[in-house]
Structures are given as C-alpha cells and as structure tokens.
Amino acid sequence: ALGLRLAAANLAFTNGRIEDAIREYRRLRDDAPHSAEALPAAYNLGLALLRTWSMPEARKAFTDVIDRGRGTPLGRLGGWWVGRTELDLGNPADA
C-alpha cells in the first residue's frame, strides 16, 4: 500500500500537481517514518518544494534525507541539494 501511495505521489508530481504531491510525500514520510518508502518520499518532497521555490523548506527536507539515508545514494544526493539550496538562498559560506 505504501508503494502505491508513493507511486501516486510521483505521478501527481510528474503531471504538475505539485501541491498534491507535496501533501502525499509529507503524509508518507510522517505516517511510516521507518518504511522503505519514507526515504524516497522525503527526497521527492525536497524536489517538489524546489519546484515551488520554497528553498528553506526544501533545505529542511533534504537535511531530513541526509539523516534518514546516511550512507545511501539518496542520502548523498540530499547533501548535495542542501548545498545547492544554500547557494540559491545566497549563503555560499553555508553551502
């Protein structure tokens, strides 16, 4: 069931229904924080927030990805995006 919810959120994101995707990614992450779907939901949440130019929120989402995904490819990508959002926020020293 969680995999279907993640797929539905991804489909919403792909189809431009960004706010719907954001809501579902947050619910997935919060409802099942230790599931296999929580990490990709957190990562995709960060990407969706970037699409809405919500840089501080995106940075927070990617920090969560780092915490949830230590030692994983998504965890490392989360670190890259934290740095990127800091640059976009005008904080190169924090990048």
PDB file of N, CA and C in Angstrom:
ATOM      1  N   ALA A   1       0.821  -1.199   0.000  1.00  0.00           N
ATOM      2  CA  ALA A   1       0.000   0.000   0.000  1.00  0.00           C
ATOM      3  C   ALA A   1       0.863   1.260   0.000  1.00  0.00           C
ATOM      4  N   LEU A   2       1.975   1.246   0.754  1.00  0.00           N
ATOM      5  CA  LEU A   2       2.835   2.428   0.795  1.00  0.00           C
ATOM      6  C   LEU A   2       3.493   2.675  -0.559  1.00  0.00           C
ATOM      7  N   GLY A   3       3.864   1.597  -1.231  1.00  0.00           N
ATOM      8  CA  GLY A   3       4.463   1.733  -2.554  1.00  0.00           C
ATOM      9  C   GLY A   3       3.502   2.358  -3.549  1.00  0.00           C
ATOM     10  N   LEU A   4       2.230   1.996  -3.441  1.00  0.00           N
ATOM     11  CA  LEU A   4       1.215   2.591  -4.317  1.00  0.00           C
ATOM     12  C   LEU A   4       1.028   4.071  -4.013  1.00  0.00           C
ATOM     13  N   ARG A   5       1.068   4.425  -2.738  1.00  0.00           N
ATOM     14  CA  ARG A   5       0.945   5.839  -2.366  1.00  0.00           C
ATOM     15  C   ARG A   5       2.119   6.640  -2.901  1.00  0.00           C
ATOM     16  N   LEU A   6       3.323   6.084  -2.825  1.00  0.00           N
ATOM     17  CA  LEU A   6       4.496   6.763  -3.358  1.00  0.00           C
ATOM     18  C   LEU A   6       4.380   6.911  -4.874  1.00  0.00           C
ATOM     19  N   ALA A   7       3.943   5.854  -5.538  1.00  0.00           N
ATOM     20  CA  ALA A   7       3.766   5.915  -6.990  1.00  0.00           C
ATOM     21  C   ALA A   7       2.716   6.960  -7.377  1.00  0.00           C
ATOM     22  N   ALA A   8       1.642   7.043  -6.611  1.00  0.00           N
ATOM     23  CA  ALA A   8       0.600   8.035  -6.894  1.00  0.00           C
ATOM     24  C   ALA A   8       1.130   9.457  -6.689  1.00  0.00           C
ATOM     25  N   ALA A   9       1.916   9.658  -5.642  1.00  0.00           N
ATOM     26  CA  ALA A   9       2.507  10.978  -5.404  1.00  0.00           C
ATOM     27  C   ALA A   9       3.479  11.329  -6.524  1.00  0.00           C
ATOM     28  N   ASN A  10       4.263  10.346  -6.962  1.00  0.00           N
ATOM     29  CA  ASN A  10       5.193  10.586  -8.070  1.00  0.00           C
ATOM     30  C   ASN A  10       4.449  10.943  -9.351  1.00  0.00           C
ATOM     31  N   LEU A  11       3.338  10.273  -9.589  1.00  0.00           N
ATOM     32  CA  LEU A  11       2.528  10.565 -10.762  1.00  0.00           C
ATOM     33  C   LEU A  11       1.949  11.984 -10.676  1.00  0.00           C
ATOM     34  N   ALA A  12       1.480  12.360  -9.502  1.00  0.00           N
ATOM     35  CA  ALA A  12       0.974  13.726  -9.316  1.00  0.00           C
ATOM     36  C   ALA A  12       2.079  14.742  -9.611  1.00  0.00           C
ATOM     37  N   PHE A  13       3.278  14.476  -9.107  1.00  0.00           N
ATOM     38  CA  PHE A  13       4.419  15.371  -9.344  1.00  0.00           C
ATOM     39  C   PHE A  13       4.716  15.469 -10.839  1.00  0.00           C
ATOM     40  N   THR A  14       4.779  14.325 -11.503  1.00  0.00           N
ATOM     41  CA  THR A  14       5.082  14.281 -12.933  1.00  0.00           C
ATOM     42  C   THR A  14       4.030  15.023 -13.751  1.00  0.00           C
ATOM     43  N   ASN A  15       2.794  14.956 -13.314  1.00  0.00           N
ATOM     44  CA  ASN A  15       1.690  15.597 -14.034  1.00  0.00           C
ATOM     45  C   ASN A  15       1.480  17.052 -13.634  1.00  0.00           C
ATOM     46  N   GLY A  16       2.397  17.602 -12.834  1.00  0.00           N
ATOM     47  CA  GLY A  16       2.321  19.016 -12.487  1.00  0.00           C
ATOM     48  C   GLY A  16       1.420  19.344 -11.320  1.00  0.00           C
ATOM     49  N   ARG A  17       0.910  18.339 -10.640  1.00  0.00           N
ATOM     50  CA  ARG A  17       0.077  18.574  -9.454  1.00  0.00           C
ATOM     51  C   ARG A  17       0.998  18.573  -8.235  1.00  0.00           C
ATOM     52  N   ILE A  18       1.835  19.601  -8.180  1.00  0.00           N
ATOM     53  CA  ILE A  18       2.925  19.663  -7.211  1.00  0.00           C
ATOM     54  C   ILE A  18       2.403  19.716  -5.773  1.00  0.00           C
ATOM     55  N   GLU A  19       1.403  20.539  -5.521  1.00  0.00           N
ATOM     56  CA  GLU A  19       0.882  20.652  -4.151  1.00  0.00           C
ATOM     57  C   GLU A  19       0.295  19.334  -3.666  1.00  0.00           C
ATOM     58  N   ASP A  20      -0.390  18.610  -4.552  1.00  0.00           N
ATOM     59  CA  ASP A  20      -0.912  17.286  -4.180  1.00  0.00           C
ATOM     60  C   ASP A  20       0.234  16.335  -3.844  1.00  0.00           C
ATOM     61  N   ALA A  21       1.280  16.381  -4.665  1.00  0.00           N
ATOM     62  CA  ALA A  21       2.443  15.522  -4.426  1.00  0.00           C
ATOM     63  C   ALA A  21       3.098  15.869  -3.090  1.00  0.00           C
ATOM     64  N   ILE A  22       3.256  17.153  -2.813  1.00  0.00           N
ATOM     65  CA  ILE A  22       3.867  17.592  -1.556  1.00  0.00           C
ATOM     66  C   ILE A  22       3.084  17.054  -0.364  1.00  0.00           C
ATOM     67  N   ARG A  23       1.773  17.192  -0.421  1.00  0.00           N
ATOM     68  CA  ARG A  23       0.940  16.678   0.685  1.00  0.00           C
ATOM     69  C   ARG A  23       1.140  15.184   0.888  1.00  0.00           C
ATOM     70  N   GLU A  24       1.141  14.421  -0.206  1.00  0.00           N
ATOM     71  CA  GLU A  24       1.263  12.963  -0.074  1.00  0.00           C
ATOM     72  C   GLU A  24       2.664  12.553   0.352  1.00  0.00           C
ATOM     73  N   TYR A  25       3.692  13.218  -0.156  1.00  0.00           N
ATOM     74  CA  TYR A  25       5.055  12.902   0.296  1.00  0.00           C
ATOM     75  C   TYR A  25       5.190  13.146   1.796  1.00  0.00           C
ATOM     76  N   ARG A  26       4.634  14.251   2.268  1.00  0.00           N
ATOM     77  CA  ARG A  26       4.697  14.535   3.712  1.00  0.00           C
ATOM     78  C   ARG A  26       3.963  13.472   4.510  1.00  0.00           C
ATOM     79  N   ARG A  27       2.766  13.098   4.033  1.00  0.00           N
ATOM     80  CA  ARG A  27       1.991  12.070   4.751  1.00  0.00           C
ATOM     81  C   ARG A  27       2.738  10.746   4.790  1.00  0.00           C
ATOM     82  N   LEU A  28       3.290  10.349   3.657  1.00  0.00           N
ATOM     83  CA  LEU A  28       4.039   9.092   3.614  1.00  0.00           C
ATOM     84  C   LEU A  28       5.211   9.119   4.571  1.00  0.00           C
ATOM     85  N   ARG A  29       5.973  10.202   4.522  1.00  0.00           N
ATOM     86  CA  ARG A  29       7.151  10.340   5.388  1.00  0.00           C
ATOM     87  C   ARG A  29       6.754  10.294   6.861  1.00  0.00           C
ATOM     88  N   ASP A  30       5.661  10.965   7.201  1.00  0.00           N
ATOM     89  CA  ASP A  30       5.247  11.079   8.599  1.00  0.00           C
ATOM     90  C   ASP A  30       4.462   9.864   9.099  1.00  0.00           C
ATOM     91  N   ASP A  31       3.656   9.257   8.219  1.00  0.00           N
ATOM     92  CA  ASP A  31       2.835   8.113   8.623  1.00  0.00           C
ATOM     93  C   ASP A  31       3.654   6.832   8.795  1.00  0.00           C
ATOM     94  N   ALA A  32       4.704   6.693   8.000  1.00  0.00           N
ATOM     95  CA  ALA A  32       5.504   5.462   8.034  1.00  0.00           C
ATOM     96  C   ALA A  32       6.988   5.825   8.004  1.00  0.00           C
ATOM     97  N   PRO A  33       7.476   6.489   9.062  1.00  0.00           N
ATOM     98  CA  PRO A  33       8.840   7.035   9.028  1.00  0.00           C
ATOM     99  C   PRO A  33       9.953   5.999   8.902  1.00  0.00           C
ATOM    100  N   HIS A  34       9.679   4.745   9.232  1.00  0.00           N
ATOM    101  CA  HIS A  34      10.719   3.715   9.170  1.00  0.00           C
ATOM    102  C   HIS A  34      10.531   2.769   7.993  1.00  0.00           C
ATOM    103  N   SER A  35       9.612   3.097   7.106  1.00  0.00           N
ATOM    104  CA  SER A  35       9.359   2.233   5.951  1.00  0.00           C
ATOM    105  C   SER A  35      10.392   2.493   4.858  1.00  0.00           C
ATOM    106  N   ALA A  36      10.464   1.575   3.924  1.00  0.00           N
ATOM    107  CA  ALA A  36      11.362   1.737   2.780  1.00  0.00           C
ATOM    108  C   ALA A  36      10.949   2.920   1.909  1.00  0.00           C
ATOM    109  N   GLU A  37       9.683   3.300   1.960  1.00  0.00           N
ATOM    110  CA  GLU A  37       9.182   4.395   1.135  1.00  0.00           C
ATOM    111  C   GLU A  37       9.452   5.771   1.740  1.00  0.00           C
ATOM    112  N   ALA A  38       9.790   5.828   3.022  1.00  0.00           N
ATOM    113  CA  ALA A  38       9.964   7.125   3.698  1.00  0.00           C
ATOM    114  C   ALA A  38      11.130   7.921   3.118  1.00  0.00           C
ATOM    115  N   LEU A  39      12.245   7.262   2.821  1.00  0.00           N
ATOM    116  CA  LEU A  39      13.407   7.983   2.289  1.00  0.00           C
ATOM    117  C   LEU A  39      13.133   8.555   0.902  1.00  0.00           C
ATOM    118  N   PRO A  40      12.636   7.770  -0.054  1.00  0.00           N
ATOM    119  CA  PRO A  40      12.332   8.387  -1.350  1.00  0.00           C
ATOM    120  C   PRO A  40      11.228   9.437  -1.254  1.00  0.00           C
ATOM    121  N   ALA A  41      10.282   9.256  -0.347  1.00  0.00           N
ATOM    122  CA  ALA A  41       9.243  10.280  -0.163  1.00  0.00           C
ATOM    123  C   ALA A  41       9.864  11.582   0.346  1.00  0.00           C
ATOM    124  N   ALA A  42      10.786  11.477   1.289  1.00  0.00           N
ATOM    125  CA  ALA A  42      11.450  12.672   1.814  1.00  0.00           C
ATOM    126  C   ALA A  42      12.270  13.356   0.731  1.00  0.00           C
ATOM    127  N   TYR A  43      12.983  12.572  -0.076  1.00  0.00           N
ATOM    128  CA  TYR A  43      13.789  13.135  -1.162  1.00  0.00           C
ATOM    129  C   TYR A  43      12.895  13.821  -2.204  1.00  0.00           C
ATOM    130  N   ASN A  44      11.846  13.127  -2.615  1.00  0.00           N
ATOM    131  CA  ASN A  44      10.941  13.700  -3.610  1.00  0.00           C
ATOM    132  C   ASN A  44      10.215  14.921  -3.065  1.00  0.00           C
ATOM    133  N   LEU A  45       9.954  14.939  -1.763  1.00  0.00           N
ATOM    134  CA  LEU A  45       9.381  16.125  -1.135  1.00  0.00           C
ATOM    135  C   LEU A  45      10.317  17.313  -1.340  1.00  0.00           C
ATOM    136  N   GLY A  46      11.611  17.106  -1.111  1.00  0.00           N
ATOM    137  CA  GLY A  46      12.570  18.178  -1.333  1.00  0.00           C
ATOM    138  C   GLY A  46      12.549  18.671  -2.767  1.00  0.00           C
ATOM    139  N   LEU A  47      12.498  17.745  -3.720  1.00  0.00           N
ATOM    140  CA  LEU A  47      12.446  18.136  -5.133  1.00  0.00           C
ATOM    141  C   LEU A  47      11.175  18.918  -5.447  1.00  0.00           C
ATOM    142  N   ALA A  48      10.061  18.461  -4.902  1.00  0.00           N
ATOM    143  CA  ALA A  48       8.792  19.151  -5.146  1.00  0.00           C
ATOM    144  C   ALA A  48       8.809  20.554  -4.544  1.00  0.00           C
ATOM    145  N   LEU A  49       9.389  20.685  -3.369  1.00  0.00           N
ATOM    146  CA  LEU A  49       9.481  22.009  -2.752  1.00  0.00           C
ATOM    147  C   LEU A  49      10.394  22.930  -3.564  1.00  0.00           C
ATOM    148  N   LEU A  50      11.432  22.373  -4.174  1.00  0.00           N
ATOM    149  CA  LEU A  50      12.270  23.178  -5.072  1.00  0.00           C
ATOM    150  C   LEU A  50      11.447  23.726  -6.234  1.00  0.00           C
ATOM    151  N   ARG A  51      10.556  22.896  -6.756  1.00  0.00           N
ATOM    152  CA  ARG A  51       9.724  23.327  -7.892  1.00  0.00           C
ATOM    153  C   ARG A  51       8.822  24.496  -7.527  1.00  0.00           C
ATOM    154  N   THR A  52       8.505  24.633  -6.240  1.00  0.00           N
ATOM    155  CA  THR A  52       7.663  25.754  -5.796  1.00  0.00           C
ATOM    156  C   THR A  52       8.507  26.913  -5.266  1.00  0.00           C
ATOM    157  N   TRP A  53       9.820  26.820  -5.408  1.00  0.00           N
ATOM    158  CA  TRP A  53      10.777  27.835  -4.934  1.00  0.00           C
ATOM    159  C   TRP A  53      10.694  28.051  -3.433  1.00  0.00           C
ATOM    160  N   SER A  54      10.375  27.006  -2.701  1.00  0.00           N
ATOM    161  CA  SER A  54      10.340  27.056  -1.239  1.00  0.00           C
ATOM    162  C   SER A  54      11.693  26.574  -0.719  1.00  0.00           C
ATOM    163  N   MET A  55      12.718  27.383  -0.937  1.00  0.00           N
ATOM    164  CA  MET A  55      14.091  26.953  -0.656  1.00  0.00           C
ATOM    165  C   MET A  55      14.334  26.581   0.808  1.00  0.00           C
ATOM    166  N   PRO A  56      13.892  27.390   1.784  1.00  0.00           N
ATOM    167  CA  PRO A  56      14.137  26.969   3.181  1.00  0.00           C
ATOM    168  C   PRO A  56      13.472  25.633   3.518  1.00  0.00           C
ATOM    169  N   GLU A  57      12.253  25.433   3.018  1.00  0.00           N
ATOM    170  CA  GLU A  57      11.564  24.160   3.264  1.00  0.00           C
ATOM    171  C   GLU A  57      12.254  23.010   2.541  1.00  0.00           C
ATOM    172  N   ALA A  58      12.717  23.267   1.316  1.00  0.00           N
ATOM    173  CA  ALA A  58      13.426  22.233   0.554  1.00  0.00           C
ATOM    174  C   ALA A  58      14.713  21.855   1.276  1.00  0.00           C
ATOM    175  N   ARG A  59      15.432  22.862   1.773  1.00  0.00           N
ATOM    176  CA  ARG A  59      16.670  22.593   2.503  1.00  0.00           C
ATOM    177  C   ARG A  59      16.389  21.703   3.720  1.00  0.00           C
ATOM    178  N   LYS A  60      15.306  22.016   4.430  1.00  0.00           N
ATOM    179  CA  LYS A  60      14.932  21.208   5.596  1.00  0.00           C
ATOM    180  C   LYS A  60      14.594  19.772   5.182  1.00  0.00           C
ATOM    181  N   ALA A  61      13.877  19.621   4.071  1.00  0.00           N
ATOM    182  CA  ALA A  61      13.527  18.283   3.585  1.00  0.00           C
ATOM    183  C   ALA A  61      14.787  17.502   3.218  1.00  0.00           C
ATOM    184  N   PHE A  62      15.743  18.150   2.560  1.00  0.00           N
ATOM    185  CA  PHE A  62      16.972  17.456   2.180  1.00  0.00           C
ATOM    186  C   PHE A  62      17.853  17.139   3.392  1.00  0.00           C
ATOM    187  N   THR A  63      17.792  17.974   4.412  1.00  0.00           N
ATOM    188  CA  THR A  63      18.506  17.651   5.658  1.00  0.00           C
ATOM    189  C   THR A  63      17.910  16.387   6.275  1.00  0.00           C
ATOM    190  N   ASP A  64      16.596  16.260   6.190  1.00  0.00           N
ATOM    191  CA  ASP A  64      15.920  15.047   6.661  1.00  0.00           C
ATOM    192  C   ASP A  64      16.385  13.831   5.849  1.00  0.00           C
ATOM    193  N   VAL A  65      16.566  14.025   4.549  1.00  0.00           N
ATOM    194  CA  VAL A  65      17.045  12.936   3.695  1.00  0.00           C
ATOM    195  C   VAL A  65      18.427  12.478   4.140  1.00  0.00           C
ATOM    196  N   ILE A  66      19.294  13.438   4.466  1.00  0.00           N
ATOM    197  CA  ILE A  66      20.633  13.082   4.949  1.00  0.00           C
ATOM    198  C   ILE A  66      20.514  12.244   6.219  1.00  0.00           C
ATOM    199  N   ASP A  67      19.665  12.687   7.148  1.00  0.00           N
ATOM    200  CA  ASP A  67      19.503  11.966   8.414  1.00  0.00           C
ATOM    201  C   ASP A  67      18.929  10.571   8.213  1.00  0.00           C
ATOM    202  N   ARG A  68      17.949  10.446   7.341  1.00  0.00           N
ATOM    203  CA  ARG A  68      17.304   9.149   7.111  1.00  0.00           C
ATOM    204  C   ARG A  68      18.155   8.209   6.263  1.00  0.00           C
ATOM    205  N   GLY A  69      18.968   8.789   5.388  1.00  0.00           N
ATOM    206  CA  GLY A  69      19.648   7.978   4.397  1.00  0.00           C
ATOM    207  C   GLY A  69      21.159   7.965   4.491  1.00  0.00           C
ATOM    208  N   ARG A  70      21.666   8.024   5.696  1.00  0.00           N
ATOM    209  CA  ARG A  70      23.133   8.006   5.861  1.00  0.00           C
ATOM    210  C   ARG A  70      23.745   6.803   5.148  1.00  0.00           C
ATOM    211  N   GLY A  71      24.754   7.089   4.333  1.00  0.00           N
ATOM    212  CA  GLY A  71      25.459   6.029   3.632  1.00  0.00           C
ATOM    213  C   GLY A  71      24.759   5.498   2.393  1.00  0.00           C
ATOM    214  N   THR A  72      23.652   6.127   1.991  1.00  0.00           N
ATOM    215  CA  THR A  72      22.928   5.680   0.800  1.00  0.00           C
ATOM    216  C   THR A  72      23.104   6.709  -0.313  1.00  0.00           C
ATOM    217  N   PRO A  73      22.853   6.297  -1.542  1.00  0.00           N
ATOM    218  CA  PRO A  73      22.928   7.278  -2.635  1.00  0.00           C
ATOM    219  C   PRO A  73      21.982   8.463  -2.439  1.00  0.00           C
ATOM    220  N   LEU A  74      20.762   8.213  -1.967  1.00  0.00           N
ATOM    221  CA  LEU A  74      19.833   9.327  -1.741  1.00  0.00           C
ATOM    222  C   LEU A  74      20.318  10.235  -0.620  1.00  0.00           C
ATOM    223  N   GLY A  75      20.923   9.664   0.397  1.00  0.00           N
ATOM    224  CA  GLY A  75      21.487  10.476   1.475  1.00  0.00           C
ATOM    225  C   GLY A  75      22.560  11.417   0.955  1.00  0.00           C
ATOM    226  N   ARG A  76      23.414  10.902   0.074  1.00  0.00           N
ATOM    227  CA  ARG A  76      24.465  11.741  -0.509  1.00  0.00           C
ATOM    228  C   ARG A  76      23.870  12.814  -1.418  1.00  0.00           C
ATOM    229  N   LEU A  77      22.861  12.454  -2.192  1.00  0.00           N
ATOM    230  CA  LEU A  77      22.192  13.451  -3.030  1.00  0.00           C
ATOM    231  C   LEU A  77      21.521  14.522  -2.170  1.00  0.00           C
ATOM    232  N   GLY A  78      20.968  14.098  -1.056  1.00  0.00           N
ATOM    233  CA  GLY A  78      20.383  15.078  -0.136  1.00  0.00           C
ATOM    234  C   GLY A  78      21.411  16.093   0.312  1.00  0.00           C
ATOM    235  N   GLY A  79      22.631  15.634   0.579  1.00  0.00           N
ATOM    236  CA  GLY A  79      23.703  16.545   0.961  1.00  0.00           C
ATOM    237  C   GLY A  79      24.041  17.533  -0.137  1.00  0.00           C
ATOM    238  N   TRP A  80      24.059  17.052  -1.366  1.00  0.00           N
ATOM    239  CA  TRP A  80      24.326  17.938  -2.499  1.00  0.00           C
ATOM    240  C   TRP A  80      23.254  19.014  -2.598  1.00  0.00           C
ATOM    241  N   TRP A  81      21.978  18.599  -2.447  1.00  0.00           N
ATOM    242  CA  TRP A  81      20.878  19.556  -2.560  1.00  0.00           C
ATOM    243  C   TRP A  81      20.861  20.559  -1.406  1.00  0.00           C
ATOM    244  N   VAL A  82      21.291  20.153  -0.216  1.00  0.00           N
ATOM    245  CA  VAL A  82      21.399  21.120   0.883  1.00  0.00           C
ATOM    246  C   VAL A  82      22.359  22.229   0.474  1.00  0.00           C
ATOM    247  N   GLY A  83      23.514  21.844  -0.055  1.00  0.00           N
ATOM    248  CA  GLY A  83      24.476  22.842  -0.517  1.00  0.00           C
ATOM    249  C   GLY A  83      23.917  23.705  -1.621  1.00  0.00           C
ATOM    250  N   ARG A  84      23.218  23.097  -2.550  1.00  0.00           N
ATOM    251  CA  ARG A  84      22.628  23.850  -3.670  1.00  0.00           C
ATOM    252  C   ARG A  84      21.587  24.848  -3.175  1.00  0.00           C
ATOM    253  N   THR A  85      20.750  24.449  -2.231  1.00  0.00           N
ATOM    254  CA  THR A  85      19.741  25.379  -1.726  1.00  0.00           C
ATOM    255  C   THR A  85      20.392  26.521  -0.963  1.00  0.00           C
ATOM    256  N   GLU A  86      21.484  26.251  -0.261  1.00  0.00           N
ATOM    257  CA  GLU A  86      22.199  27.334   0.422  1.00  0.00           C
ATOM    258  C   GLU A  86      22.713  28.348  -0.597  1.00  0.00           C
ATOM    259  N   LEU A  87      23.247  27.867  -1.712  1.00  0.00           N
ATOM    260  CA  LEU A  87      23.703  28.786  -2.766  1.00  0.00           C
ATOM    261  C   LEU A  87      22.535  29.599  -3.294  1.00  0.00           C
ATOM    262  N   ASP A  88      21.396  28.942  -3.535  1.00  0.00           N
ATOM    263  CA  ASP A  88      20.214  29.644  -4.038  1.00  0.00           C
ATOM    264  C   ASP A  88      19.662  30.647  -3.035  1.00  0.00           C
ATOM    265  N   LEU A  89      19.876  30.383  -1.769  1.00  0.00           N
ATOM    266  CA  LEU A  89      19.433  31.315  -0.723  1.00  0.00           C
ATOM    267  C   LEU A  89      20.430  32.456  -0.510  1.00  0.00           C
ATOM    268  N   GLY A  90      21.561  32.409  -1.223  1.00  0.00           N
ATOM    269  CA  GLY A  90      22.559  33.457  -1.085  1.00  0.00           C
ATOM    270  C   GLY A  90      23.497  33.257   0.087  1.00  0.00           C
ATOM    271  N   ASN A  91      23.659  32.011   0.510  1.00  0.00           N
ATOM    272  CA  ASN A  91      24.530  31.687   1.649  1.00  0.00           C
ATOM    273  C   ASN A  91      25.686  30.791   1.199  1.00  0.00           C
ATOM    274  N   PRO A  92      26.589  31.288   0.344  1.00  0.00           N
ATOM    275  CA  PRO A  92      27.651  30.406  -0.157  1.00  0.00           C
ATOM    276  C   PRO A  92      28.558  29.863   0.944  1.00  0.00           C
ATOM    277  N   ALA A  93      28.701  30.578   2.033  1.00  0.00           N
ATOM    278  CA  ALA A  93      29.560  30.086   3.122  1.00  0.00           C
ATOM    279  C   ALA A  93      28.969  28.844   3.774  1.00  0.00           C
ATOM    280  N   ASP A  94      27.659  28.668   3.697  1.00  0.00           N
ATOM    281  CA  ASP A  94      26.987  27.512   4.303  1.00  0.00           C
ATOM    282  C   ASP A  94      26.811  26.354   3.335  1.00  0.00           C
ATOM    283  N   ALA A  95      27.186  26.572   2.086  1.00  0.00           N
ATOM    284  CA  ALA A  95      26.971  25.553   1.048  1.00  0.00           C
ATOM    285  C   ALA A  95      27.913  24.377   1.192  1.00  0.00           C
TER     286      ALA A  95
END
